[in-house]
């Protein structure tokens, strides 16, 4: 039988599993203003959370400041509104950045938000070499499933390579990409599709780094992954095992790294938002617990557990705490951390692992035949495969071939009685006033160097960091980049 901590890492990337160190408990959070988000972060850290995970509002994700006309109605709604260095400083007020690991769920604007974080560290007196964390920076899955892209694929991949190259030299403890299967699974793909499409994106990023002239071992160990965890308990455990094994084999077959860490698939897991129901929301506690347990038994390196009210609104402080306590109970009371891979050797789990690896390999062969993942995305192949899987799932739910408790069976007829999180209606006008004051105090800024660098081939990260130091906003930087790179438009249909 395979051994934990040894190639191909089916049973885990560490020989002792969680006996030496538990997974990072990284609750995804962010809403409203920087001050409100800072309060939530400090509360969760005080309650035993061991890493931060930043949720940004939609304008921030697609490069608009809070006072932009296109941001109207979305400021602070699905995450924290970040337009300026002052905002990022407020988010981390009283939180020493050399003492926490921070994950930022940001993609199209990842270089800008990372630059803001780095300058906050500077102002705290923390060397970049001491920073740990992750910037999601996975644009390919945005074209497939999530939609918060700005630029076309070529300049987007250029920006990703800029971040990889810059961090390899300047921020060596930082994970430069978190290759995400989560959002594709939320869109409806199967477990095998989640493995295949995620790893195909990861292979594309590896090739992007190599094309930049980087050695594979200089950046591959800092690429992480981000998976969903659904409710088919044993299949999900097998999915993580199969993904680890397949990635190790693919990396060895295609890129032949010398550093064994380049073969290791390290991943964060979030329990499935799409399995949460607005009906009978207390049931979501059970769903999340099962999914979190599957992620732990599958060997995740970090974990977010969804709150029971997230089908209705952003989580309240109380429901966020219960979600964190779910992880803590699994970690400290369940006994499942005693063995690195407790279900290894189970005939059922091993058979599921083999099947998922085989099915994922078949998808990867198809993608290679299409000319690689970029071609597969541009042709609509990946989107159509996910769409088909989602359609089959919905048909099964409507036919009651798949039971969703409280939705198509075991109905109560009672509306949920929950106190939900509310976003301040005065947030947007207040944000507009703040940004007007910032620009007045700062004065006009010269962005000629940013534009010239974007038109050339020089790494953009040092220029963006310089812009941030001069109080240039997220929207102002992205406006220049839009002018140079253009905006992406999908060119296929179902």
Protein backbone atom coordinates (compact mmCIF):
# COMPACT_ATOMS: atom_id res chain seq x y z
CA UNK A 1 0.00 0.00 0.00
CA UNK A 2 1.16 3.57 -0.66
CA UNK A 3 2.67 5.46 2.26
CA UNK A 4 1.60 8.93 3.48
CA UNK A 5 4.15 11.58 2.59
CA UNK A 6 5.61 9.68 -0.35
CA UNK A 7 5.02 9.91 -4.12
CA UNK A 8 2.34 9.93 -5.53
CA UNK A 9 0.90 11.35 -2.25
CA UNK A 10 -2.48 9.63 -2.54
CA UNK A 11 -2.52 9.23 1.23
CA UNK A 12 -1.38 12.77 1.99
CA UNK A 13 1.62 15.01 1.47
CA UNK A 14 2.87 14.69 5.07
CA UNK A 15 3.92 11.42 6.72
CA UNK A 16 2.21 12.25 10.03
CA UNK A 17 -0.93 13.93 8.65
CA UNK A 18 -2.48 16.18 11.30
CA UNK A 19 -0.56 14.67 14.20
CA UNK A 20 2.17 17.26 13.80
CA UNK A 21 0.01 20.20 12.73
CA UNK A 22 -3.72 20.71 12.21
CA UNK A 23 -5.11 22.25 9.04
CA UNK A 24 -5.41 26.05 8.98
CA UNK A 25 -8.91 27.12 10.07
CA UNK A 26 -9.43 29.92 7.60
CA UNK A 27 -12.97 31.32 7.71
CA UNK A 28 -13.81 33.37 4.60
CA UNK A 29 -15.05 36.79 5.72
CA UNK A 30 -15.47 40.36 4.60
CA UNK A 31 -18.39 42.75 4.18
CA UNK A 32 -19.29 46.40 4.20
CA UNK A 33 -16.48 48.68 5.27
CA UNK A 34 -12.86 47.98 6.13
CA UNK A 35 -13.65 48.83 9.76
CA UNK A 36 -16.50 46.29 9.98
CA UNK A 37 -14.35 43.63 8.36
CA UNK A 38 -11.48 44.34 10.76
CA UNK A 39 -13.90 43.82 13.66
CA UNK A 40 -14.99 40.44 12.23
CA UNK A 41 -11.38 39.33 11.65
CA UNK A 42 -10.29 40.24 15.15
CA UNK A 43 -13.35 38.50 16.59
CA UNK A 44 -12.67 35.28 14.67
CA UNK A 45 -8.96 35.31 15.58
CA UNK A 46 -9.91 35.74 19.23
CA UNK A 47 -12.20 32.69 18.89
CA UNK A 48 -9.38 30.47 17.64
CA UNK A 49 -9.34 30.97 13.88
CA UNK A 50 -5.80 30.35 12.64
CA UNK A 51 -5.78 32.16 9.27
CA UNK A 52 -7.60 34.99 7.52
CA UNK A 53 -9.50 34.72 4.24
CA UNK A 54 -10.60 37.95 2.55
CA UNK A 55 -13.88 38.33 0.67
CA UNK A 56 -14.02 41.41 -1.58
CA UNK A 57 -17.08 43.14 -2.94
CA UNK A 58 -17.91 42.90 -6.64
CA UNK A 59 -16.59 46.35 -7.64
CA UNK A 60 -13.22 45.55 -6.08
CA UNK A 61 -13.13 42.19 -7.86
CA UNK A 62 -13.60 43.77 -11.28
CA UNK A 63 -11.54 46.89 -10.78
CA UNK A 64 -13.97 49.68 -9.94
CA UNK A 65 -13.71 52.06 -7.00
CA UNK A 66 -16.65 52.41 -4.62
CA UNK A 67 -17.56 55.81 -6.13
CA UNK A 68 -17.71 54.56 -9.72
CA UNK A 69 -21.15 54.72 -11.34
CA UNK A 70 -20.83 51.02 -12.24
CA UNK A 71 -20.40 50.15 -8.54
CA UNK A 72 -23.82 51.49 -7.60
CA UNK A 73 -25.81 49.00 -5.52
CA UNK A 74 -22.89 46.58 -5.05
CA UNK A 75 -20.55 48.38 -2.65
CA UNK A 76 -19.76 46.17 0.34
CA UNK A 77 -22.52 43.69 -0.50
CA UNK A 78 -20.69 40.39 -1.04
CA UNK A 79 -17.39 41.36 0.55
CA UNK A 80 -15.37 44.26 1.84
CA UNK A 81 -15.04 47.39 -0.30
CA UNK A 82 -11.35 48.10 -0.99
CA UNK A 83 -10.40 51.06 -3.17
CA UNK A 84 -7.31 52.49 -1.52
CA UNK A 85 -4.31 51.83 0.68
CA UNK A 86 -6.21 53.48 3.54
CA UNK A 87 -8.94 50.83 3.20
CA UNK A 88 -6.44 47.97 3.33
CA UNK A 89 -4.68 49.52 6.33
CA UNK A 90 -7.98 49.70 8.17
CA UNK A 91 -8.79 46.05 7.42
CA UNK A 92 -5.56 44.97 9.15
CA UNK A 93 -5.45 47.55 11.94
CA UNK A 94 -4.16 45.81 15.05
CA UNK A 95 -3.43 42.58 13.15
CA UNK A 96 0.35 42.02 12.74
CA UNK A 97 0.90 40.59 9.25
CA UNK A 98 3.95 38.57 10.30
CA UNK A 99 1.73 36.62 12.72
CA UNK A 100 -1.16 35.60 10.44
CA UNK A 101 -1.52 33.85 7.10
CA UNK A 102 -3.89 35.70 4.78
CA UNK A 103 -5.74 34.32 1.77
CA UNK A 104 -7.25 36.80 -0.68
CA UNK A 105 -10.03 35.61 -2.99
CA UNK A 106 -9.19 37.98 -5.82
CA UNK A 107 -8.37 37.27 -9.44
CA UNK A 108 -8.57 39.93 -12.16
CA UNK A 109 -7.28 42.59 -9.76
CA UNK A 110 -4.97 40.25 -7.84
CA UNK A 111 -1.74 42.18 -8.58
CA UNK A 112 -3.26 45.39 -7.24
CA UNK A 113 -4.70 43.87 -4.05
CA UNK A 114 -1.46 42.02 -3.39
CA UNK A 115 0.43 45.31 -3.82
CA UNK A 116 -1.88 46.95 -1.27
CA UNK A 117 -1.19 44.12 1.20
CA UNK A 118 2.57 44.41 0.67
CA UNK A 119 2.57 48.15 1.30
CA UNK A 120 0.50 47.67 4.47
CA UNK A 121 3.16 45.21 5.63
CA UNK A 122 5.84 47.81 4.86
CA UNK A 123 4.00 50.39 6.95
CA UNK A 124 3.79 47.87 9.81
CA UNK A 125 7.54 47.30 9.53
CA UNK A 126 7.10 43.67 8.43
CA UNK A 127 9.61 42.45 5.79
CA UNK A 128 7.96 40.84 2.76
CA UNK A 129 10.10 37.75 3.37
CA UNK A 130 8.10 37.11 6.57
CA UNK A 131 4.66 37.22 4.91
CA UNK A 132 2.68 34.04 4.37
CA UNK A 133 -0.59 33.59 2.55
CA UNK A 134 -2.22 33.16 -0.83
CA UNK A 135 -3.62 35.31 -3.59
CA UNK A 136 -6.16 33.36 -5.65
CA UNK A 137 -5.01 34.86 -8.96
CA UNK A 138 -6.77 32.11 -11.00
CA UNK A 139 -8.27 33.86 -14.00
CA UNK A 140 -9.01 30.78 -16.11
CA UNK A 141 -11.82 29.56 -13.86
CA UNK A 142 -13.31 33.06 -14.06
CA UNK A 143 -13.79 32.60 -17.81
CA UNK A 144 -15.35 29.19 -17.15
CA UNK A 145 -17.65 29.62 -14.17
CA UNK A 146 -17.40 32.73 -12.03
CA UNK A 147 -17.27 35.70 -14.37
CA UNK A 148 -15.18 38.30 -12.50
CA UNK A 149 -12.67 38.72 -15.30
CA UNK A 150 -11.61 42.02 -16.82
CA UNK A 151 -8.91 41.50 -19.43
CA UNK A 152 -8.56 38.97 -22.28
CA UNK A 153 -6.61 35.73 -21.57
CA UNK A 154 -3.20 36.82 -22.93
CA UNK A 155 -2.71 39.94 -20.77
CA UNK A 156 -4.35 38.15 -17.82
CA UNK A 157 -1.76 35.37 -18.03
CA UNK A 158 0.97 38.02 -18.37
CA UNK A 159 -0.21 39.53 -15.05
CA UNK A 160 -0.21 36.09 -13.41
CA UNK A 161 3.36 35.48 -14.62
CA UNK A 162 4.33 38.91 -13.26
CA UNK A 163 3.03 37.93 -9.81
CA UNK A 164 4.79 34.54 -9.90
CA UNK A 165 8.11 36.07 -10.97
CA UNK A 166 7.89 38.96 -8.50
CA UNK A 167 6.98 36.82 -5.50
CA UNK A 168 9.62 34.17 -6.28
CA UNK A 169 12.19 36.95 -5.73
CA UNK A 170 10.53 39.28 -3.23
CA UNK A 171 7.85 37.35 -1.26
CA UNK A 172 9.13 33.76 -1.14
CA UNK A 173 6.61 32.50 1.45
CA UNK A 174 3.60 33.61 -0.60
CA UNK A 175 1.41 31.25 -2.64
CA UNK A 176 1.07 33.05 -5.96
CA UNK A 177 -1.94 31.13 -7.28
CA UNK A 178 -4.74 29.15 -5.70
CA UNK A 179 -6.05 27.11 -8.63
CA UNK A 180 -9.77 26.85 -8.00
CA UNK A 181 -12.14 24.02 -8.67
CA UNK A 182 -14.59 25.44 -6.16
CA UNK A 183 -16.51 27.74 -8.45
CA UNK A 184 -16.73 25.20 -11.26
CA UNK A 185 -18.27 22.77 -8.79
CA UNK A 186 -20.68 25.45 -7.62
CA UNK A 187 -21.67 25.93 -11.27
CA UNK A 188 -22.62 22.25 -11.46
CA UNK A 189 -19.65 20.12 -12.52
CA UNK A 190 -19.08 16.59 -11.26
CA UNK A 191 -16.29 15.47 -8.93
CA UNK A 192 -14.27 14.07 -11.85
CA UNK A 193 -14.75 17.28 -13.84
CA UNK A 194 -13.65 19.34 -10.85
CA UNK A 195 -10.40 17.38 -10.67
CA UNK A 196 -9.75 17.50 -14.42
CA UNK A 197 -10.58 21.13 -15.12
CA UNK A 198 -8.74 22.36 -12.02
CA UNK A 199 -5.58 20.41 -12.82
CA UNK A 200 -5.77 21.47 -16.48
CA UNK A 201 -5.80 25.10 -15.34
CA UNK A 202 -2.89 24.35 -13.02
CA UNK A 203 -0.85 22.85 -15.86
CA UNK A 204 -1.52 25.97 -17.93
CA UNK A 205 -0.14 28.15 -15.13
CA UNK A 206 2.95 25.97 -14.84
CA UNK A 207 3.58 26.40 -18.57
CA UNK A 208 2.98 30.15 -18.22
CA UNK A 209 5.73 30.34 -15.60
CA UNK A 210 8.10 28.30 -17.74
CA UNK A 211 7.38 30.52 -20.75
CA UNK A 212 8.36 33.52 -18.60
CA UNK A 213 11.77 31.86 -18.10
CA UNK A 214 11.27 30.66 -14.54
CA UNK A 215 12.58 27.25 -13.47
CA UNK A 216 9.73 24.96 -12.44
CA UNK A 217 11.11 24.48 -8.93
CA UNK A 218 11.30 28.25 -8.42
CA UNK A 219 7.51 28.66 -8.47
CA UNK A 220 5.66 25.33 -8.58
CA UNK A 221 5.95 24.74 -4.80
CA UNK A 222 4.09 28.03 -4.25
CA UNK A 223 1.07 27.06 -6.37
CA UNK A 224 -1.83 25.93 -4.19
CA UNK A 225 -5.29 24.58 -5.02
CA UNK A 226 -8.82 25.32 -3.85
CA UNK A 227 -11.49 22.62 -3.91
CA UNK A 228 -15.16 22.34 -3.09
CA UNK A 229 -16.49 19.66 -0.77
CA UNK A 230 -19.96 18.33 -1.55
CA UNK A 231 -22.22 15.89 0.26
CA UNK A 232 -21.37 12.58 -1.41
CA UNK A 233 -19.17 11.76 1.57
CA UNK A 234 -16.94 8.95 0.29
CA UNK A 235 -16.72 10.31 -3.25
CA UNK A 236 -15.42 13.63 -1.94
CA UNK A 237 -12.75 11.94 0.18
CA UNK A 238 -11.71 9.92 -2.87
CA UNK A 239 -11.72 13.09 -5.00
CA UNK A 240 -9.01 14.69 -2.87
CA UNK A 241 -6.92 11.52 -2.89
CA UNK A 242 -7.26 11.16 -6.69
CA UNK A 243 -6.42 14.84 -7.29
CA UNK A 244 -3.22 14.58 -5.22
CA UNK A 245 -2.10 11.43 -7.00
CA UNK A 246 -2.91 12.68 -10.49
CA UNK A 247 -1.19 16.06 -10.00
CA UNK A 248 2.00 14.36 -8.77
CA UNK A 249 2.03 12.06 -11.79
CA UNK A 250 1.29 14.86 -14.27
CA UNK A 251 3.99 17.11 -12.86
CA UNK A 252 6.57 14.32 -13.03
CA UNK A 253 5.51 13.23 -16.53
CA UNK A 254 5.36 16.69 -18.10
CA UNK A 255 7.82 18.93 -16.24
CA UNK A 256 10.27 16.63 -14.37
CA UNK A 257 10.93 18.91 -11.36
CA UNK A 258 13.86 18.12 -9.07
CA UNK A 259 12.21 19.44 -5.89
CA UNK A 260 9.66 16.94 -4.54
CA UNK A 261 7.55 19.83 -3.22
CA UNK A 262 6.78 20.73 -6.84
CA UNK A 263 4.87 17.44 -7.07
CA UNK A 264 2.74 18.06 -3.98
CA UNK A 265 -0.84 19.23 -4.37
CA UNK A 266 -1.53 21.44 -1.36
CA UNK A 267 -5.12 22.61 -1.12
CA UNK A 268 -7.69 24.68 0.71
CA UNK A 269 -11.26 23.41 0.95
CA UNK A 270 -14.53 25.25 1.34
CA UNK A 271 -17.75 23.41 2.07
CA UNK A 272 -20.31 23.67 -0.71
CA UNK A 273 -22.39 26.82 -0.88
CA UNK A 274 -24.64 25.23 -3.50
CA UNK A 275 -25.74 22.53 -1.05
CA UNK A 276 -27.04 25.09 1.46
CA UNK A 277 -30.77 25.71 1.45
CA UNK A 278 -32.84 28.75 2.35
CA UNK A 279 -35.54 26.32 3.51
CA UNK A 280 -34.95 24.86 7.00
CA UNK A 281 -31.53 26.56 7.31
CA UNK A 282 -30.67 24.71 10.53
CA UNK A 283 -30.22 21.63 8.32
CA UNK A 284 -27.21 23.39 6.81
CA UNK A 285 -25.25 22.81 10.03
CA UNK A 286 -25.48 19.06 9.39
CA UNK A 287 -24.57 19.45 5.72
CA UNK A 288 -21.53 21.59 6.50
CA UNK A 289 -20.35 19.22 9.24
CA UNK A 290 -20.41 16.23 6.87
CA UNK A 291 -18.58 18.18 4.18
CA UNK A 292 -15.97 19.48 6.61
CA UNK A 293 -15.36 15.96 7.92
CA UNK A 294 -14.91 14.68 4.36
CA UNK A 295 -12.37 17.44 3.66
CA UNK A 296 -10.39 16.51 6.77
CA UNK A 297 -10.48 12.80 5.97
CA UNK A 298 -9.31 13.74 2.46
CA UNK A 299 -6.28 15.57 3.89
CA UNK A 300 -6.96 19.27 3.30
CA UNK A 301 -4.31 21.82 4.35
CA UNK A 302 -6.84 24.53 5.22
CA UNK A 303 -10.61 24.72 5.55
CA UNK A 304 -13.53 27.12 5.52
CA UNK A 305 -16.87 25.94 6.87
CA UNK A 306 -19.95 27.75 5.54
CA UNK A 307 -22.44 29.22 7.98
CA UNK A 308 -26.03 28.03 8.16
CA UNK A 309 -27.52 31.35 7.02
CA UNK A 310 -25.45 31.82 3.84
CA UNK A 311 -28.31 30.83 1.54
CA UNK A 312 -30.08 33.93 2.87
CA UNK A 313 -27.36 36.51 3.50
CA UNK A 314 -23.75 36.99 4.53
CA UNK A 315 -23.22 35.20 7.86
CA UNK A 316 -23.89 36.89 11.16
CA UNK A 317 -21.23 36.88 13.85
CA UNK A 318 -23.13 34.12 15.69
CA UNK A 319 -23.46 31.82 12.68
CA UNK A 320 -19.83 32.43 11.68
CA UNK A 321 -18.75 31.36 15.17
CA UNK A 322 -20.80 28.17 14.96
CA UNK A 323 -19.15 27.37 11.62
CA UNK A 324 -15.71 27.83 13.20
CA UNK A 325 -16.67 25.72 16.21
CA UNK A 326 -17.63 22.93 13.77
CA UNK A 327 -14.02 22.75 12.62
CA UNK A 328 -12.69 22.91 16.16
CA UNK A 329 -14.91 20.04 17.32
CA UNK A 330 -13.77 17.88 14.37
CA UNK A 331 -10.15 18.75 15.17
CA UNK A 332 -10.18 18.25 18.91
CA UNK A 333 -13.05 15.92 19.77
CA UNK A 334 -13.67 13.51 16.90
CA UNK A 335 -10.40 11.55 16.93
CA UNK A 336 -10.14 11.59 13.12
CA UNK A 337 -6.76 13.35 13.22
CA UNK A 338 -5.00 10.36 14.79
CA UNK A 339 -4.14 8.79 11.41
CA UNK A 340 -2.90 10.55 8.24
CA UNK A 341 -5.33 8.69 5.95
CA UNK A 342 -7.85 6.79 8.11
CA UNK A 343 -9.82 5.43 5.12
CA UNK A 344 -6.78 4.36 3.10
CA UNK A 345 -7.13 0.69 2.24
CA UNK A 346 -10.92 0.74 2.24
CA UNK A 347 -11.96 -1.21 -0.87
CA UNK A 348 -14.74 1.28 -1.54
CA UNK A 349 -12.62 4.42 -1.11
CA UNK A 350 -9.72 2.97 -3.11
CA UNK A 351 -12.09 1.97 -5.94
CA UNK A 352 -13.64 5.45 -5.96
CA UNK A 353 -10.15 7.01 -6.00
CA UNK A 354 -9.16 4.89 -9.01
CA UNK A 355 -12.38 5.67 -10.87
CA UNK A 356 -12.12 9.43 -10.35
CA UNK A 357 -8.48 9.48 -11.43
CA UNK A 358 -9.36 7.50 -14.56
CA UNK A 359 -12.30 9.76 -15.45
CA UNK A 360 -10.25 12.90 -14.85
CA UNK A 361 -7.45 11.53 -17.05
CA UNK A 362 -9.97 11.00 -19.84
CA UNK A 363 -11.03 14.65 -19.66
CA UNK A 364 -7.40 15.79 -19.69
CA UNK A 365 -6.75 13.71 -22.82
CA UNK A 366 -9.73 15.39 -24.48
CA UNK A 367 -8.46 18.84 -23.46
CA UNK A 368 -4.99 18.07 -24.83
CA UNK A 369 -6.62 17.01 -28.09
CA UNK A 370 -8.38 20.38 -28.31
CA UNK A 371 -5.03 22.16 -28.03
CA UNK A 372 -4.88 22.77 -24.29
CA UNK A 373 -7.03 24.45 -21.66
CA UNK A 374 -7.09 27.90 -23.25
CA UNK A 375 -8.47 26.45 -26.47
CA UNK A 376 -10.94 24.30 -24.51
CA UNK A 377 -12.18 27.40 -22.68
CA UNK A 378 -12.36 29.61 -25.77
CA UNK A 379 -14.32 26.97 -27.71
CA UNK A 380 -16.87 26.68 -24.90
CA UNK A 381 -16.08 22.99 -24.34
CA UNK A 382 -15.48 23.27 -20.59
CA UNK A 383 -18.49 25.49 -19.98
CA UNK A 384 -20.75 23.17 -21.97
CA UNK A 385 -19.57 20.11 -20.04
CA UNK A 386 -20.37 21.84 -16.74
CA UNK A 387 -23.70 23.08 -18.08
CA UNK A 388 -24.65 19.53 -19.08
CA UNK A 389 -23.75 18.14 -15.64
CA UNK A 390 -25.73 20.90 -13.88
CA UNK A 391 -28.75 20.21 -16.08
CA UNK A 392 -28.68 16.48 -15.25
CA UNK A 393 -28.45 17.29 -11.54
CA UNK A 394 -31.41 19.65 -11.69
CA UNK A 395 -33.52 17.10 -13.56
CA UNK A 396 -32.76 14.54 -10.84
CA UNK A 397 -33.82 17.00 -8.12
CA UNK A 398 -37.06 17.88 -9.89
CA UNK A 399 -37.86 14.21 -10.44
CA UNK A 400 -37.02 13.49 -6.77
CA UNK A 401 -34.43 10.98 -7.90
CA UNK A 402 -32.14 13.10 -5.71
CA UNK A 403 -33.67 14.11 -2.38
CA UNK A 404 -32.87 17.53 -0.90
CA UNK A 405 -34.26 17.54 2.63
CA UNK A 406 -36.58 20.46 3.16
CA UNK A 407 -36.64 21.34 -0.56
CA UNK A 408 -38.24 18.48 -2.49
CA UNK A 409 -38.99 16.16 0.43
CA UNK A 410 -39.72 16.52 4.16
CA UNK A 411 -41.10 20.03 3.78
CA UNK A 412 -42.14 22.06 6.80
CA UNK A 413 -43.97 24.95 5.15
CA UNK A 414 -42.56 27.32 7.78
CA UNK A 415 -40.47 30.32 6.69
CA UNK A 416 -37.00 30.47 8.26
CA UNK A 417 -36.72 32.51 11.45
CA UNK A 418 -33.21 33.86 11.37
CA UNK A 419 -31.60 37.16 12.13
CA UNK A 420 -29.55 37.91 9.01
CA UNK A 421 -26.61 40.21 8.38
CA UNK A 422 -27.60 43.66 7.09
CA UNK A 423 -25.39 46.04 5.08
CA UNK A 424 -25.67 49.71 6.05
CA UNK A 425 -27.72 51.62 3.44
CA UNK A 426 -25.53 54.69 4.01
CA UNK A 427 -22.36 52.85 3.08
CA UNK A 428 -22.23 53.99 -0.56
CA UNK A 429 -22.62 57.76 -0.02
CA UNK A 430 -20.11 57.55 2.84
CA UNK A 431 -17.62 55.74 0.59
CA UNK A 432 -18.03 58.38 -2.12
CA UNK A 433 -17.24 61.13 0.39
CA UNK A 434 -14.18 59.26 1.67
CA UNK A 435 -12.74 58.76 -1.80
CA UNK A 436 -13.39 62.38 -2.76
CA UNK A 437 -11.48 63.48 0.34
CA UNK A 438 -8.62 61.08 -0.44
CA UNK A 439 -8.23 62.39 -4.00
CA UNK A 440 -8.40 66.01 -2.86
CA UNK A 441 -5.71 65.48 -0.24
CA UNK A 442 -3.54 63.40 -2.56
CA UNK A 443 -3.87 65.58 -5.64
CA UNK A 444 -3.48 64.43 -9.27
CA UNK A 445 -1.28 61.42 -10.04
CA UNK A 446 0.87 60.69 -13.06
CA UNK A 447 0.22 57.16 -14.36
CA UNK A 448 2.41 57.43 -17.48
CA UNK A 449 4.92 54.85 -16.23
CA UNK A 450 2.12 52.36 -15.48
CA UNK A 451 0.74 52.73 -19.00
CA UNK A 452 4.15 52.47 -20.65
CA UNK A 453 5.05 49.37 -18.65
CA UNK A 454 1.72 47.74 -19.52
CA UNK A 455 2.45 48.35 -23.22
CA UNK A 456 5.87 46.73 -22.87
CA UNK A 457 7.11 43.46 -21.38
CA UNK A 458 8.60 44.61 -18.07
CA UNK A 459 7.13 43.13 -14.88
CA UNK A 460 4.21 45.30 -13.77
CA UNK A 461 4.30 44.42 -10.06
CA UNK A 462 7.00 46.95 -8.99
CA UNK A 463 5.15 49.69 -10.88
CA UNK A 464 1.82 48.78 -9.28
CA UNK A 465 3.44 48.72 -5.83
CA UNK A 466 4.82 52.21 -6.52
CA UNK A 467 1.33 53.39 -7.55
CA UNK A 468 -0.15 52.05 -4.33
CA UNK A 469 2.51 53.82 -2.26
CA UNK A 470 1.40 57.06 -3.97
CA UNK A 471 -2.24 56.47 -2.95
CA UNK A 472 -3.43 55.56 -6.47
CA UNK A 473 -6.70 53.66 -6.18
CA UNK A 474 -7.66 50.21 -7.45
CA UNK A 475 -10.05 51.73 -10.00
CA UNK A 476 -7.47 54.23 -11.29
CA UNK A 477 -4.88 51.49 -11.85
CA UNK A 478 -7.38 49.22 -13.57
CA UNK A 479 -8.64 52.05 -15.80
CA UNK A 480 -5.13 52.40 -17.23
CA UNK A 481 -4.78 48.64 -17.70
CA UNK A 482 -8.19 48.45 -19.40
CA UNK A 483 -7.04 51.13 -21.81
CA UNK A 484 -4.00 49.06 -22.75
CA UNK A 485 -5.30 45.48 -22.55
CA UNK A 486 -8.97 45.91 -23.45
CA UNK A 487 -11.80 43.89 -21.89
CA UNK A 488 -12.72 40.25 -22.42
CA UNK A 489 -15.97 39.26 -24.11
CA UNK A 490 -17.21 35.66 -24.26
CA UNK A 491 -17.60 34.51 -27.87
CA UNK A 492 -19.44 31.19 -27.60
CA UNK A 493 -23.02 30.16 -26.84
CA UNK A 494 -24.77 27.05 -25.58
